[in-house]
Amino acid sequence: MDQEETLERLKQGKEAWNTWAERTLKEKAALEAANQPLDAWRNRSRVDLDCSNVPVQADLSGFVFPGQSVFRGEFWEGAKFQNAVFNGSAVFRRVRFRTAATFANANFKGETRFCHAVFLGDADFSGCTFVERADFERAKFERTADFNKTSFDKGAQFSKSVFDTNLIF
């Protein structure tokens, strides 16, 4: 989905979004079972969101993202992704979180990239599961960064990241 399609689907709410996501994941399973190519599926399941176009607090708690999810820009009023499930790669490269960013208990099943991300408010990753590698290279945390009870199954990279205040592991 492109930016416009993503925003339109988000406006329909979590229930409609997750119904679409579950249907999309079933399509993928059927294609894989039939040994069919996934190129068209990848395009349909991709989420592309310029966060700067979200004027209010983004509450995506409990949302299911079926394929690759790419977030760009700035979250102006906070971002909530508690209990979200990212089935494909999740890319938050260079995203600025102006206020609190909450990912508590989110499940990241694909590669995850927060490289060069800037967290101006608290960043809560407590209880998250990162199944594939998590990349926080050069991320900047200006307030508390909470990774308590977080699982990094294939490791995490924090090289050259900056933690200005509290870091909780």
Protein backbone atom coordinates (compact mmCIF):
# COMPACT_ATOMS: atom_id res chain seq x y z
CA MET A 1 0.00 0.00 0.00
CA ASP A 2 1.22 3.48 -0.63
CA GLN A 3 0.98 6.38 1.81
CA GLU A 4 -2.54 7.39 0.78
CA GLU A 5 -3.91 3.84 0.98
CA THR A 6 -2.30 3.35 4.40
CA LEU A 7 -3.89 6.52 5.80
CA GLU A 8 -7.28 5.59 4.36
CA ARG A 9 -7.16 2.12 5.91
CA LEU A 10 -6.04 3.55 9.28
CA LYS A 11 -9.09 5.83 9.30
CA GLN A 12 -11.31 2.73 9.27
CA GLY A 13 -10.07 1.78 12.76
CA LYS A 14 -8.28 -1.10 14.41
CA GLU A 15 -10.97 -3.75 13.88
CA ALA A 16 -11.17 -3.15 10.13
CA TRP A 17 -7.37 -2.89 9.90
CA ASN A 18 -6.79 -6.17 11.73
CA THR A 19 -9.46 -7.94 9.66
CA TRP A 20 -7.59 -6.84 6.53
CA ALA A 21 -4.25 -7.89 8.08
CA GLU A 22 -5.48 -11.37 9.03
CA ARG A 23 -6.99 -11.87 5.57
CA THR A 24 -3.71 -10.73 4.02
CA LEU A 25 -1.70 -13.17 6.17
CA LYS A 26 -4.02 -16.03 5.10
CA GLU A 27 -3.41 -15.07 1.45
CA LYS A 28 0.32 -15.31 2.06
CA ALA A 29 -0.01 -18.76 3.63
CA ALA A 30 -2.08 -19.96 0.65
CA LEU A 31 0.47 -18.60 -1.82
CA GLU A 32 3.32 -20.25 0.08
CA ALA A 33 1.44 -23.58 0.24
CA ALA A 34 0.92 -23.42 -3.54
CA ASN A 35 4.58 -22.45 -4.03
CA GLN A 36 3.48 -19.22 -5.75
CA PRO A 37 5.54 -16.00 -5.94
CA LEU A 38 4.96 -13.40 -3.22
CA ASP A 39 5.92 -10.22 -5.13
CA ALA A 40 2.37 -8.90 -5.59
CA TRP A 41 1.48 -9.92 -2.01
CA ARG A 42 4.48 -7.97 -0.66
CA ASN A 43 3.25 -4.84 -2.44
CA ARG A 44 -0.31 -5.24 -1.11
CA SER A 45 0.78 -5.96 2.45
CA ARG A 46 3.41 -3.21 2.75
CA VAL A 47 2.54 -0.34 5.08
CA ASP A 48 4.04 3.06 4.24
CA LEU A 49 3.36 5.87 6.69
CA ASP A 50 4.82 9.35 6.84
CA CYS A 51 4.21 10.04 10.53
CA SER A 52 4.21 13.78 9.90
CA ASN A 53 0.79 13.31 8.25
CA VAL A 54 -0.69 12.02 11.52
CA PRO A 55 -1.79 15.25 13.31
CA VAL A 56 -2.92 13.61 16.56
CA GLN A 57 -1.44 10.98 18.81
CA ALA A 58 -1.00 7.79 16.83
CA ASP A 59 -2.54 4.97 18.82
CA LEU A 60 -1.75 1.81 16.91
CA SER A 61 -1.92 -0.40 19.99
CA GLY A 62 -2.90 -3.94 19.11
CA PHE A 63 -2.63 -3.36 15.35
CA VAL A 64 -1.35 -6.24 13.22
CA PHE A 65 1.04 -5.33 10.40
CA PRO A 66 1.09 -8.22 7.90
CA GLY A 67 4.14 -7.33 5.78
CA GLN A 68 6.92 -4.80 5.72
CA SER A 69 6.07 -1.62 7.64
CA VAL A 70 7.96 1.58 6.86
CA PHE A 71 7.51 4.66 9.04
CA ARG A 72 9.05 8.03 8.15
CA GLY A 73 9.05 11.57 9.48
CA GLU A 74 8.00 12.70 12.95
CA PHE A 75 5.39 11.60 15.43
CA TRP A 76 4.31 15.01 16.80
CA GLU A 77 1.88 13.95 19.53
CA GLY A 78 3.24 10.60 20.67
CA ALA A 79 3.11 7.09 19.33
CA LYS A 80 1.49 4.04 20.90
CA PHE A 81 2.24 0.58 19.56
CA GLN A 82 1.54 -1.52 22.70
CA ASN A 83 0.85 -5.15 21.81
CA ALA A 84 1.27 -4.43 18.09
CA VAL A 85 2.44 -7.33 15.91
CA PHE A 86 4.87 -6.63 13.08
CA ASN A 87 4.93 -9.78 10.89
CA GLY A 88 7.42 -8.39 8.36
CA SER A 89 10.32 -6.03 8.77
CA ALA A 90 9.59 -2.87 10.76
CA VAL A 91 11.53 0.21 9.68
CA PHE A 92 11.56 3.35 11.84
CA ARG A 93 14.83 4.64 10.37
CA ARG A 94 15.40 8.34 11.15
CA VAL A 95 11.94 8.73 12.71
CA ARG A 96 11.65 11.44 15.39
CA PHE A 97 9.37 10.77 18.33
CA ARG A 98 8.66 14.23 19.82
CA THR A 99 6.90 12.87 22.92
CA ALA A 100 6.58 9.41 24.49
CA ALA A 101 6.88 6.37 22.26
CA THR A 102 5.31 3.22 23.69
CA PHE A 103 6.01 -0.19 22.16
CA ALA A 104 5.42 -2.22 25.35
CA ASN A 105 4.80 -5.92 24.63
CA ALA A 106 5.00 -5.46 20.86
CA ASN A 107 6.07 -8.45 18.80
CA PHE A 108 8.58 -7.78 16.03
CA LYS A 109 8.81 -10.94 13.87
CA GLY A 110 11.02 -9.55 11.09
CA GLU A 111 14.15 -7.44 11.04
CA THR A 112 13.61 -4.21 12.93
CA ARG A 113 15.41 -0.93 12.29
CA PHE A 114 15.34 2.07 14.59
CA CYS A 115 18.75 3.26 13.35
CA HIS A 116 19.17 7.05 13.58
CA ALA A 117 15.77 7.33 15.33
CA VAL A 118 15.42 10.14 17.88
CA PHE A 119 13.34 9.68 21.03
CA LEU A 120 12.70 13.07 22.67
CA GLY A 121 10.29 11.59 25.23
CA ASP A 122 10.36 8.31 27.11
CA ALA A 123 10.83 5.20 24.95
CA ASP A 124 9.08 2.12 26.33
CA PHE A 125 10.13 -1.19 24.77
CA SER A 126 9.43 -3.21 27.92
CA GLY A 127 8.28 -6.76 27.31
CA CYS A 128 8.90 -6.62 23.57
CA THR A 129 9.98 -9.63 21.55
CA PHE A 130 12.39 -9.13 18.67
CA VAL A 131 12.49 -12.44 16.76
CA GLU A 132 15.01 -11.25 14.17
CA ARG A 133 17.87 -8.80 14.63
CA ALA A 134 17.01 -5.37 16.06
CA ASP A 135 19.08 -2.41 14.88
CA PHE A 136 19.19 0.70 17.06
CA GLU A 137 22.49 1.96 15.63
CA ARG A 138 22.97 5.69 16.24
CA ALA A 139 19.56 6.03 17.91
CA LYS A 140 19.29 8.88 20.40
CA PHE A 141 17.32 8.52 23.61
CA GLU A 142 16.91 11.85 25.44
CA ARG A 143 14.66 10.48 28.20
CA THR A 144 14.19 7.07 29.79
CA ALA A 145 14.72 4.08 27.49
CA ASP A 146 13.02 1.02 28.98
CA PHE A 147 13.97 -2.42 27.64
CA ASN A 148 12.98 -4.31 30.81
CA LYS A 149 11.95 -7.92 30.07
CA THR A 150 12.65 -7.44 26.35
CA SER A 151 13.77 -10.45 24.32
CA PHE A 152 16.29 -10.12 21.47
CA ASP A 153 16.26 -13.62 19.93
CA LYS A 154 18.92 -12.90 17.28
CA GLY A 155 20.65 -9.99 18.97
CA ALA A 156 20.48 -6.23 18.89
CA GLN A 157 22.83 -3.52 17.77
CA PHE A 158 23.15 -0.29 19.74
CA SER A 159 26.50 0.90 18.37
CA LYS A 160 27.00 4.65 18.60
CA SER A 161 23.58 5.08 20.23
CA VAL A 162 23.23 7.85 22.80
CA PHE A 163 21.38 7.49 26.10
CA ASP A 164 21.09 10.88 27.83
CA THR A 165 19.29 9.69 30.96
CA ASN A 166 17.98 6.39 32.31
CA LEU A 167 18.51 3.11 30.50
CA ILE A 168 16.59 0.13 31.86
CA PHE A 169 17.38 -3.45 30.85
